[in-house]
Amino acid sequence: DVADVAESGLTLPAASGVRVLVDVPSSDTDVTGQLPSNSIMVSGQTLTVTGLKALFAESDGASGVRNKAVVPAGSLIRLRYKAVLNASAVVSSPVEGESLKPNVNTVTLTRSYTSGVTAGWADNSDGTESRSAVANAYTFKLDVVKLDKDDLSKTLGGVEFEVSRDGQVLKFTQVSDGVYRLDAAGGTEVVTHTDGTLSLSGVEARELSFKETTAPSGYFKVSDFTVDIRPEWNEDATQVTKVTYATSGTNLAYVS
């Protein structure tokens, strides 16, 4: 049995969105339909898959169990589904004094044993043993300040931008003046606060493209520019240890 418990910042899929795959006779063979009825359940922040033994075990005709010949020992079983970072997701910021906080989900595999607990597994004292693994999902924010290039003490509010990634325009919902959160049901334009600030949260790492669509009266529009969010992971790629930013497209956009 497998149980995946996600923090509140992650929305788990419906049970119908979970696929169970094996690597025989070919890679990613979908065997979801071979599981017993109601094997896959989603309740709140917990997703469970039970009855996986039906995929690889069968009666030996006596009182024991044997591996199915079509799924030999050593075969891989994959559970595949997507969780969505929602409005409650913890946002990681590189600002000094703030931490790079992950949205955590923990998966636990529980199985029976007949000849003692396996090294590295926890004994549940009921004839089963379990082992857990943690996955960290990160979401980031990007803060922009619009300034008069000839007088950097002067901030410019009411400036509209269109933000895209890989040629696809992104949509945002306004949280407050100058503050927006990524939202597929939102609008395509974001506007700087009167103090010139613009904060975008809920964005993933990689490159964002900015197009200034409306400039303040008396000012020209800045050429299109990009901002690349670059997280650095630890050695086993389980945690982000640092985030840096890089700009390109115009020297009028730079990292402070």
C-alpha atoms as a PDB file:
ATOM      1  CA  ASP A   1       0.000   0.000   0.000  1.00  0.00           C
ATOM      2  CA  VAL A   2       1.151   3.549  -0.764  1.00  0.00           C
ATOM      3  CA  ALA A   3       0.031   6.707   1.038  1.00  0.00           C
ATOM      4  CA  ASP A   4       1.002  10.199  -0.126  1.00  0.00           C
ATOM      5  CA  VAL A   5       0.349  13.001   2.369  1.00  0.00           C
ATOM      6  CA  ALA A   6       0.718  16.510   0.948  1.00  0.00           C
ATOM      7  CA  GLU A   7       0.916  19.825   2.754  1.00  0.00           C
ATOM      8  CA  SER A   8      -1.956  22.294   2.307  1.00  0.00           C
ATOM      9  CA  GLY A   9      -0.092  24.198  -0.421  1.00  0.00           C
ATOM     10  CA  LEU A  10      -0.435  21.224  -2.758  1.00  0.00           C
ATOM     11  CA  THR A  11      -3.748  20.154  -4.287  1.00  0.00           C
ATOM     12  CA  LEU A  12      -3.799  16.444  -5.022  1.00  0.00           C
ATOM     13  CA  PRO A  13      -5.557  15.153  -8.157  1.00  0.00           C
ATOM     14  CA  ALA A  14      -8.817  13.254  -8.292  1.00  0.00           C
ATOM     15  CA  ALA A  15      -8.436   9.474  -8.101  1.00  0.00           C
ATOM     16  CA  SER A  16      -9.088   9.311 -11.846  1.00  0.00           C
ATOM     17  CA  GLY A  17      -5.912  11.320 -12.415  1.00  0.00           C
ATOM     18  CA  VAL A  18      -3.642   8.625 -10.958  1.00  0.00           C
ATOM     19  CA  ARG A  19      -1.949   6.158 -13.303  1.00  0.00           C
ATOM     20  CA  VAL A  20      -0.236   2.937 -12.234  1.00  0.00           C
ATOM     21  CA  LEU A  21       2.494   1.752 -14.618  1.00  0.00           C
ATOM     22  CA  VAL A  22       4.885  -1.193 -14.844  1.00  0.00           C
ATOM     23  CA  ASP A  23       7.955  -1.654 -17.011  1.00  0.00           C
ATOM     24  CA  VAL A  24       6.903  -5.033 -18.490  1.00  0.00           C
ATOM     25  CA  PRO A  25       6.386  -6.021 -21.207  1.00  0.00           C
ATOM     26  CA  SER A  26       7.452  -2.481 -22.164  1.00  0.00           C
ATOM     27  CA  SER A  27       8.216   0.744 -20.345  1.00  0.00           C
ATOM     28  CA  ASP A  28       5.222   2.592 -18.854  1.00  0.00           C
ATOM     29  CA  THR A  29       2.648  -0.140 -19.463  1.00  0.00           C
ATOM     30  CA  ASP A  30      -0.576   1.191 -17.914  1.00  0.00           C
ATOM     31  CA  VAL A  31      -2.058  -1.376 -15.514  1.00  0.00           C
ATOM     32  CA  THR A  32      -4.359   0.930 -13.556  1.00  0.00           C
ATOM     33  CA  GLY A  33      -7.391  -1.071 -14.687  1.00  0.00           C
ATOM     34  CA  GLN A  34      -5.944  -4.276 -13.224  1.00  0.00           C
ATOM     35  CA  LEU A  35      -6.199  -3.002  -9.653  1.00  0.00           C
ATOM     36  CA  PRO A  36      -9.163  -3.989  -7.465  1.00  0.00           C
ATOM     37  CA  SER A  37     -12.106  -1.591  -7.384  1.00  0.00           C
ATOM     38  CA  ASN A  38     -11.554   1.535  -5.254  1.00  0.00           C
ATOM     39  CA  SER A  39      -7.831   0.806  -4.869  1.00  0.00           C
ATOM     40  CA  ILE A  40      -7.080   4.477  -5.548  1.00  0.00           C
ATOM     41  CA  MET A  41      -8.593   6.954  -3.109  1.00  0.00           C
ATOM     42  CA  VAL A  42      -8.081  10.675  -2.491  1.00  0.00           C
ATOM     43  CA  SER A  43      -9.343  12.256   0.703  1.00  0.00           C
ATOM     44  CA  GLY A  44      -8.281  15.791   1.575  1.00  0.00           C
ATOM     45  CA  GLN A  45      -4.489  15.916   1.605  1.00  0.00           C
ATOM     46  CA  THR A  46      -3.986  12.140   1.434  1.00  0.00           C
ATOM     47  CA  LEU A  47      -3.816   9.943  -1.658  1.00  0.00           C
ATOM     48  CA  THR A  48      -3.739   6.166  -1.112  1.00  0.00           C
ATOM     49  CA  VAL A  49      -3.210   3.245  -3.467  1.00  0.00           C
ATOM     50  CA  THR A  50      -3.951  -0.188  -2.049  1.00  0.00           C
ATOM     51  CA  GLY A  51      -3.950  -3.697  -3.453  1.00  0.00           C
ATOM     52  CA  LEU A  52      -0.790  -3.264  -5.520  1.00  0.00           C
ATOM     53  CA  LYS A  53       0.062  -6.927  -4.880  1.00  0.00           C
ATOM     54  CA  ALA A  54      -2.636  -7.837  -7.420  1.00  0.00           C
ATOM     55  CA  LEU A  55      -0.245  -6.639 -10.119  1.00  0.00           C
ATOM     56  CA  PHE A  56       2.614  -9.019  -9.368  1.00  0.00           C
ATOM     57  CA  ALA A  57       1.488 -11.757  -6.951  1.00  0.00           C
ATOM     58  CA  GLU A  58      -0.800 -14.783  -7.293  1.00  0.00           C
ATOM     59  CA  SER A  59      -1.681 -17.949  -5.424  1.00  0.00           C
ATOM     60  CA  ASP A  60       0.721 -20.827  -5.926  1.00  0.00           C
ATOM     61  CA  GLY A  61      -2.220 -23.249  -5.911  1.00  0.00           C
ATOM     62  CA  ALA A  62      -1.527 -24.404  -2.385  1.00  0.00           C
ATOM     63  CA  SER A  63      -1.365 -22.132   0.630  1.00  0.00           C
ATOM     64  CA  GLY A  64       1.337 -19.808  -0.559  1.00  0.00           C
ATOM     65  CA  VAL A  65       1.937 -16.900  -2.907  1.00  0.00           C
ATOM     66  CA  ARG A  66       4.283 -16.561  -5.861  1.00  0.00           C
ATOM     67  CA  ASN A  67       5.343 -13.839  -8.253  1.00  0.00           C
ATOM     68  CA  LYS A  68       3.471 -13.705 -11.524  1.00  0.00           C
ATOM     69  CA  ALA A  69       5.667 -14.856 -14.376  1.00  0.00           C
ATOM     70  CA  VAL A  70       4.629 -11.845 -16.447  1.00  0.00           C
ATOM     71  CA  VAL A  71       5.917  -9.451 -13.775  1.00  0.00           C
ATOM     72  CA  PRO A  72       9.202 -10.926 -12.560  1.00  0.00           C
ATOM     73  CA  ALA A  73      10.939  -9.851  -9.372  1.00  0.00           C
ATOM     74  CA  GLY A  74      12.892  -6.648  -9.921  1.00  0.00           C
ATOM     75  CA  SER A  75      10.253  -5.057 -12.125  1.00  0.00           C
ATOM     76  CA  LEU A  76       9.377  -1.414 -11.498  1.00  0.00           C
ATOM     77  CA  ILE A  77       5.934  -0.115 -10.543  1.00  0.00           C
ATOM     78  CA  ARG A  78       5.393   3.609 -11.076  1.00  0.00           C
ATOM     79  CA  LEU A  79       2.588   5.744  -9.655  1.00  0.00           C
ATOM     80  CA  ARG A  80       2.182   8.870 -11.742  1.00  0.00           C
ATOM     81  CA  TYR A  81       0.026  11.900 -11.024  1.00  0.00           C
ATOM     82  CA  LYS A  82       0.265  15.665 -10.788  1.00  0.00           C
ATOM     83  CA  ALA A  83      -0.244  17.840  -7.734  1.00  0.00           C
ATOM     84  CA  VAL A  84      -0.878  21.569  -8.194  1.00  0.00           C
ATOM     85  CA  LEU A  85       0.661  24.330  -6.105  1.00  0.00           C
ATOM     86  CA  ASN A  86      -2.326  26.359  -4.897  1.00  0.00           C
ATOM     87  CA  ALA A  87      -2.896  29.786  -3.332  1.00  0.00           C
ATOM     88  CA  SER A  88      -1.821  28.419   0.077  1.00  0.00           C
ATOM     89  CA  ALA A  89       1.582  27.333  -1.208  1.00  0.00           C
ATOM     90  CA  VAL A  90       4.603  28.609   0.700  1.00  0.00           C
ATOM     91  CA  VAL A  91       6.616  30.947  -1.525  1.00  0.00           C
ATOM     92  CA  SER A  92      10.415  30.893  -1.411  1.00  0.00           C
ATOM     93  CA  SER A  93      12.223  34.201  -1.492  1.00  0.00           C
ATOM     94  CA  PRO A  94      15.949  34.961  -1.719  1.00  0.00           C
ATOM     95  CA  VAL A  95      15.565  38.036   0.482  1.00  0.00           C
ATOM     96  CA  GLU A  96      18.081  38.076   3.327  1.00  0.00           C
ATOM     97  CA  GLY A  97      16.524  36.799   6.519  1.00  0.00           C
ATOM     98  CA  GLU A  98      13.848  34.767   4.715  1.00  0.00           C
ATOM     99  CA  SER A  99      14.174  31.069   4.053  1.00  0.00           C
ATOM    100  CA  LEU A 100      13.682  28.929   0.969  1.00  0.00           C
ATOM    101  CA  LYS A 101      10.640  27.030   2.136  1.00  0.00           C
ATOM    102  CA  PRO A 102       9.413  23.892   0.347  1.00  0.00           C
ATOM    103  CA  ASN A 103       5.893  22.566   0.012  1.00  0.00           C
ATOM    104  CA  VAL A 104       6.362  19.012   1.242  1.00  0.00           C
ATOM    105  CA  ASN A 105       4.677  15.764   0.355  1.00  0.00           C
ATOM    106  CA  THR A 106       5.609  12.518   2.068  1.00  0.00           C
ATOM    107  CA  VAL A 107       5.058   9.112   0.491  1.00  0.00           C
ATOM    108  CA  THR A 108       5.014   5.932   2.595  1.00  0.00           C
ATOM    109  CA  LEU A 109       5.121   2.387   1.225  1.00  0.00           C
ATOM    110  CA  THR A 110       3.807  -0.328   3.555  1.00  0.00           C
ATOM    111  CA  ARG A 111       4.263  -4.032   2.823  1.00  0.00           C
ATOM    112  CA  SER A 112       4.038  -7.339   4.634  1.00  0.00           C
ATOM    113  CA  TYR A 113       7.052  -9.454   5.497  1.00  0.00           C
ATOM    114  CA  THR A 114       7.588 -13.095   6.416  1.00  0.00           C
ATOM    115  CA  SER A 115      11.195 -13.365   7.541  1.00  0.00           C
ATOM    116  CA  GLY A 116      12.063 -10.254   9.521  1.00  0.00           C
ATOM    117  CA  VAL A 117      12.172  -6.522   8.915  1.00  0.00           C
ATOM    118  CA  THR A 118      14.267  -5.276   5.986  1.00  0.00           C
ATOM    119  CA  ALA A 119      17.216  -3.056   6.858  1.00  0.00           C
ATOM    120  CA  GLY A 120      16.245   0.602   6.497  1.00  0.00           C
ATOM    121  CA  TRP A 121      12.532  -0.120   6.960  1.00  0.00           C
ATOM    122  CA  ALA A 122      10.375   0.603  10.015  1.00  0.00           C
ATOM    123  CA  ASP A 123       8.745  -2.316  11.830  1.00  0.00           C
ATOM    124  CA  ASN A 124       5.045  -1.618  12.389  1.00  0.00           C
ATOM    125  CA  SER A 125       4.734  -4.609  14.807  1.00  0.00           C
ATOM    126  CA  ASP A 126       1.792  -6.000  12.863  1.00  0.00           C
ATOM    127  CA  GLY A 127       3.598  -8.076  10.290  1.00  0.00           C
ATOM    128  CA  THR A 128       4.209  -5.059   8.043  1.00  0.00           C
ATOM    129  CA  GLU A 129       7.146  -2.778   7.443  1.00  0.00           C
ATOM    130  CA  SER A 130       7.196   0.721   5.942  1.00  0.00           C
ATOM    131  CA  ARG A 131       9.532   3.212   4.381  1.00  0.00           C
ATOM    132  CA  SER A 132       8.990   6.880   3.534  1.00  0.00           C
ATOM    133  CA  ALA A 133      10.375   9.388   1.068  1.00  0.00           C
ATOM    134  CA  VAL A 134       9.905  13.143   0.918  1.00  0.00           C
ATOM    135  CA  ALA A 135       9.558  15.368  -2.141  1.00  0.00           C
ATOM    136  CA  ASN A 136       9.872  19.156  -1.936  1.00  0.00           C
ATOM    137  CA  ALA A 137       7.975  21.373  -4.376  1.00  0.00           C
ATOM    138  CA  TYR A 138       9.055  25.004  -4.598  1.00  0.00           C
ATOM    139  CA  THR A 139       7.370  28.097  -5.911  1.00  0.00           C
ATOM    140  CA  PHE A 140       9.068  31.468  -6.182  1.00  0.00           C
ATOM    141  CA  LYS A 141       8.389  35.200  -6.277  1.00  0.00           C
ATOM    142  CA  LEU A 142       9.819  37.980  -8.367  1.00  0.00           C
ATOM    143  CA  ASP A 143       9.985  41.608  -7.216  1.00  0.00           C
ATOM    144  CA  VAL A 144      10.372  44.394  -9.784  1.00  0.00           C
ATOM    145  CA  VAL A 145      10.857  48.103  -9.152  1.00  0.00           C
ATOM    146  CA  LYS A 146      10.192  50.596 -11.965  1.00  0.00           C
ATOM    147  CA  LEU A 147      12.455  53.668 -11.763  1.00  0.00           C
ATOM    148  CA  ASP A 148      13.212  56.807 -13.740  1.00  0.00           C
ATOM    149  CA  LYS A 149      16.580  55.987 -15.321  1.00  0.00           C
ATOM    150  CA  ASP A 150      17.721  59.613 -14.988  1.00  0.00           C
ATOM    151  CA  ASP A 151      16.636  59.892 -11.340  1.00  0.00           C
ATOM    152  CA  LEU A 152      16.744  56.542  -9.529  1.00  0.00           C
ATOM    153  CA  SER A 153      15.080  58.078  -6.476  1.00  0.00           C
ATOM    154  CA  LYS A 154      11.904  58.516  -8.534  1.00  0.00           C
ATOM    155  CA  THR A 155       9.620  55.475  -8.757  1.00  0.00           C
ATOM    156  CA  LEU A 156       7.026  55.020 -11.498  1.00  0.00           C
ATOM    157  CA  GLY A 157       3.589  53.645 -10.740  1.00  0.00           C
ATOM    158  CA  GLY A 158       0.799  52.608 -13.092  1.00  0.00           C
ATOM    159  CA  VAL A 159       3.177  50.870 -15.527  1.00  0.00           C
ATOM    160  CA  GLU A 160       1.594  47.847 -17.204  1.00  0.00           C
ATOM    161  CA  PHE A 161       3.444  44.687 -18.173  1.00  0.00           C
ATOM    162  CA  GLU A 162       2.583  41.466 -19.947  1.00  0.00           C
ATOM    163  CA  VAL A 163       4.528  38.465 -18.644  1.00  0.00           C
ATOM    164  CA  SER A 164       5.119  35.300 -20.636  1.00  0.00           C
ATOM    165  CA  ARG A 165       7.120  32.092 -20.613  1.00  0.00           C
ATOM    166  CA  ASP A 166       8.133  30.122 -23.701  1.00  0.00           C
ATOM    167  CA  GLY A 167       5.910  32.386 -25.813  1.00  0.00           C
ATOM    168  CA  GLN A 168       2.843  31.689 -23.640  1.00  0.00           C
ATOM    169  CA  VAL A 169       1.306  34.715 -21.895  1.00  0.00           C
ATOM    170  CA  LEU A 170       0.833  34.054 -18.174  1.00  0.00           C
ATOM    171  CA  LYS A 171      -2.235  35.079 -16.172  1.00  0.00           C
ATOM    172  CA  PHE A 172      -2.302  36.564 -12.693  1.00  0.00           C
ATOM    173  CA  THR A 173      -4.849  37.483 -10.034  1.00  0.00           C
ATOM    174  CA  GLN A 174      -4.323  40.771  -8.181  1.00  0.00           C
ATOM    175  CA  VAL A 175      -3.838  40.263  -4.438  1.00  0.00           C
ATOM    176  CA  SER A 176      -3.313  43.959  -3.658  1.00  0.00           C
ATOM    177  CA  ASP A 177      -1.913  47.030  -5.433  1.00  0.00           C
ATOM    178  CA  GLY A 178       1.196  45.896  -7.281  1.00  0.00           C
ATOM    179  CA  VAL A 179       0.980  42.349  -5.886  1.00  0.00           C
ATOM    180  CA  TYR A 180      -0.132  39.443  -8.114  1.00  0.00           C
ATOM    181  CA  ARG A 181      -0.364  35.667  -7.894  1.00  0.00           C
ATOM    182  CA  LEU A 182      -0.129  33.280 -10.839  1.00  0.00           C
ATOM    183  CA  ASP A 183      -3.656  32.113 -11.669  1.00  0.00           C
ATOM    184  CA  ALA A 184      -4.900  30.504 -14.888  1.00  0.00           C
ATOM    185  CA  ALA A 185      -8.257  32.235 -14.347  1.00  0.00           C
ATOM    186  CA  GLY A 186      -6.721  35.704 -13.962  1.00  0.00           C
ATOM    187  CA  GLY A 187      -5.840  38.520 -16.340  1.00  0.00           C
ATOM    188  CA  THR A 188      -2.834  38.991 -18.602  1.00  0.00           C
ATOM    189  CA  GLU A 189      -1.679  42.438 -17.452  1.00  0.00           C
ATOM    190  CA  VAL A 190       0.070  43.360 -14.211  1.00  0.00           C
ATOM    191  CA  VAL A 191       0.502  46.964 -13.028  1.00  0.00           C
ATOM    192  CA  THR A 192       3.124  48.551 -10.771  1.00  0.00           C
ATOM    193  CA  HIS A 193       2.067  50.062  -7.448  1.00  0.00           C
ATOM    194  CA  THR A 194       2.292  53.844  -7.031  1.00  0.00           C
ATOM    195  CA  ASP A 195       5.677  53.260  -5.376  1.00  0.00           C
ATOM    196  CA  GLY A 196       6.888  51.542  -8.566  1.00  0.00           C
ATOM    197  CA  THR A 197       6.917  48.033  -7.113  1.00  0.00           C
ATOM    198  CA  LEU A 198       5.545  44.902  -8.740  1.00  0.00           C
ATOM    199  CA  SER A 199       5.555  41.523  -6.974  1.00  0.00           C
ATOM    200  CA  LEU A 200       4.710  38.271  -8.766  1.00  0.00           C
ATOM    201  CA  SER A 201       4.312  35.084  -6.738  1.00  0.00           C
ATOM    202  CA  GLY A 202       3.520  31.497  -7.635  1.00  0.00           C
ATOM    203  CA  VAL A 203       5.960  31.401 -10.551  1.00  0.00           C
ATOM    204  CA  GLU A 204       8.251  28.457 -11.161  1.00  0.00           C
ATOM    205  CA  ALA A 205      11.939  28.668 -11.851  1.00  0.00           C
ATOM    206  CA  ARG A 206      13.155  29.364 -15.400  1.00  0.00           C
ATOM    207  CA  GLU A 207      12.908  32.414 -17.610  1.00  0.00           C
ATOM    208  CA  LEU A 208      10.119  35.004 -17.595  1.00  0.00           C
ATOM    209  CA  SER A 209       9.698  37.513 -20.428  1.00  0.00           C
ATOM    210  CA  PHE A 210       8.408  41.034 -19.728  1.00  0.00           C
ATOM    211  CA  LYS A 211       6.737  43.315 -22.262  1.00  0.00           C
ATOM    212  CA  GLU A 212       5.896  46.840 -21.139  1.00  0.00           C
ATOM    213  CA  THR A 213       2.474  47.581 -22.630  1.00  0.00           C
ATOM    214  CA  THR A 214       1.745  50.970 -21.028  1.00  0.00           C
ATOM    215  CA  ALA A 215       4.368  53.509 -19.963  1.00  0.00           C
ATOM    216  CA  PRO A 216       3.758  56.547 -17.704  1.00  0.00           C
ATOM    217  CA  SER A 217       3.020  59.840 -19.452  1.00  0.00           C
ATOM    218  CA  GLY A 218       6.252  61.422 -20.647  1.00  0.00           C
ATOM    219  CA  TYR A 219       8.240  58.185 -20.640  1.00  0.00           C
ATOM    220  CA  PHE A 220       9.108  55.648 -23.325  1.00  0.00           C
ATOM    221  CA  LYS A 221       8.489  51.923 -23.005  1.00  0.00           C
ATOM    222  CA  VAL A 222      11.469  49.818 -22.023  1.00  0.00           C
ATOM    223  CA  SER A 223      12.465  47.177 -24.566  1.00  0.00           C
ATOM    224  CA  ASP A 224      11.294  43.646 -23.853  1.00  0.00           C
ATOM    225  CA  PHE A 225      13.485  41.935 -21.284  1.00  0.00           C
ATOM    226  CA  THR A 226      13.747  38.593 -19.498  1.00  0.00           C
ATOM    227  CA  VAL A 227      14.338  37.594 -15.902  1.00  0.00           C
ATOM    228  CA  ASP A 228      15.729  34.133 -15.224  1.00  0.00           C
ATOM    229  CA  ILE A 229      15.028  32.563 -11.821  1.00  0.00           C
ATOM    230  CA  ARG A 230      17.861  30.155 -11.006  1.00  0.00           C
ATOM    231  CA  PRO A 231      17.497  27.872  -7.980  1.00  0.00           C
ATOM    232  CA  GLU A 232      20.517  25.914  -6.808  1.00  0.00           C
ATOM    233  CA  TRP A 233      19.865  22.428  -5.398  1.00  0.00           C
ATOM    234  CA  ASN A 234      21.854  20.393  -2.886  1.00  0.00           C
ATOM    235  CA  GLU A 235      23.849  17.366  -3.962  1.00  0.00           C
ATOM    236  CA  ASP A 236      20.969  14.885  -3.983  1.00  0.00           C
ATOM    237  CA  ALA A 237      18.553  17.396  -5.589  1.00  0.00           C
ATOM    238  CA  THR A 238      16.086  17.318  -2.700  1.00  0.00           C
ATOM    239  CA  GLN A 239      16.349  20.895  -1.396  1.00  0.00           C
ATOM    240  CA  VAL A 240      16.940  24.325  -2.871  1.00  0.00           C
ATOM    241  CA  THR A 241      19.799  26.046  -1.074  1.00  0.00           C
ATOM    242  CA  LYS A 242      19.996  29.335  -2.962  1.00  0.00           C
ATOM    243  CA  VAL A 243      18.156  31.376  -5.605  1.00  0.00           C
ATOM    244  CA  THR A 244      19.745  33.865  -7.959  1.00  0.00           C
ATOM    245  CA  TYR A 245      18.356  36.028 -10.762  1.00  0.00           C
ATOM    246  CA  ALA A 246      19.702  37.130 -14.136  1.00  0.00           C
ATOM    247  CA  THR A 247      18.357  39.627 -16.690  1.00  0.00           C
ATOM    248  CA  SER A 248      18.799  39.993 -20.440  1.00  0.00           C
ATOM    249  CA  GLY A 249      17.314  41.914 -23.377  1.00  0.00           C
ATOM    250  CA  THR A 250      18.192  45.442 -22.277  1.00  0.00           C
ATOM    251  CA  ASN A 251      20.712  47.021 -19.939  1.00  0.00           C
ATOM    252  CA  LEU A 252      17.863  49.072 -18.459  1.00  0.00           C
ATOM    253  CA  ALA A 253      16.737  45.926 -16.616  1.00  0.00           C
ATOM    254  CA  TYR A 254      19.198  44.707 -14.036  1.00  0.00           C
ATOM    255  CA  VAL A 255      19.395  42.712 -10.806  1.00  0.00           C
ATOM    256  CA  SER A 256      19.680  44.747  -7.631  1.00  0.00           C
END
